[in-house]
């Protein structure tokens, strides 16, 4: 309750009273007693009466990508019958490492004040904003009182996403389809998966008359489900192959690939070396779930990469595979990734060389890194991940056009 100045004033008053008794000087008693009374009055003034406040805090938006802006709006309303004193608002951020401070002038009953500030979003993660504290200090600065007026909120900062070229589409069995292979219709030579009810605008030539007669409702032959690209992004998060900088680069690369494939309406899936699997999905909810995982992922002591690669070799995996590793990964790990070429339509390896995250060191694998039957995107000190990725994808697309 007492400030540093208040405690110093109280100790000084006690010293004056003691000195007055030892020296027999009545004036010192008077000054000491007056100082003690002033401290008591200051303490009472900040305790009673307490202002009644209605405080709201909103984050716009509560989920952002690293490097973009997020704003906090604070609304303070005097819900009491008396004029408020000057309020000192303090809103801590990132577990109190940083904070926003601002003063609110006295508010009349029913009056509202607004304030806003921007949050730093240079680092990915889930950060706590608040709780918001309102402080009242008496005019002499001897006593203060702090009250929590708004609960804590959470800001989720997704990894940085670079605008990169999309991954070329690769065919494969659809794990979301109702059958592994289409069923052939001998009469028409077309493939279909199911029957459905007639909808306005359907081609009447696709009416399935036997089912229509049996169900007494027009039934349309559902042709083969439109093929949709599927992309699996494998992120190596083993602690022994990462530094802080390499992990951030790998996570940002994974987020960029997921976002680029999602924008092309592909089914995307995130798999990490500690056996986290998001499953295939589409839509904003699925994308947000993957990005939230990437926002909070940390280097893991678990070394389950071999088991994860084994699970990817089983049936039900198809489409494209993008594996993100560093130069610290063993050659055997790269060979296991290469062996997945028979299961997936295409395999791409994003390899962060040591010079990309430790510029003073020399790359150990150099340009000899290869992936049998796959594509390698090497990220080194010469350029960013986005530049390396776009260059390889452009070369790959040109080769596909020529073939």
Foldseek 3Di string as FASTA:
>chain_A
DWDPVLVVLLVQLVVLCVVCVVVVPVVSPVSSVVSVVVSVVQAVVQVPPDWDKAKDKQKAPLEEAAPDKIKIKMKIFGQDQAKDCKKWKWKAKQVNPDIDIDIDHIDHHGDMDMDMDIDHRNAFAKMKIDQMKIKDGDPVRGDMDIDRNHDIDIHGYFYHADAAAAFDKFDDQALPAPDRDFDADVPPRFTADDKDFDDPPDDPVQFDVVVCVVVVGTIGGHGHDPTAAEEEEEEEQAPQQDDPQLLSQRLNVSLNRQVNSLVVVHFYWYAYQVGDILDTDHDDVSNVVVRSCSSHDHRDNDGNNVVVLVVCLDPSHEMEYEYEGELSDDPVSLQSQLVSVVVYRAYEYEYEFPCQRVVVDDGDCPPVDDRVRHYYQYDHPVDGSRVSRNVRSVVVVVVVVVD
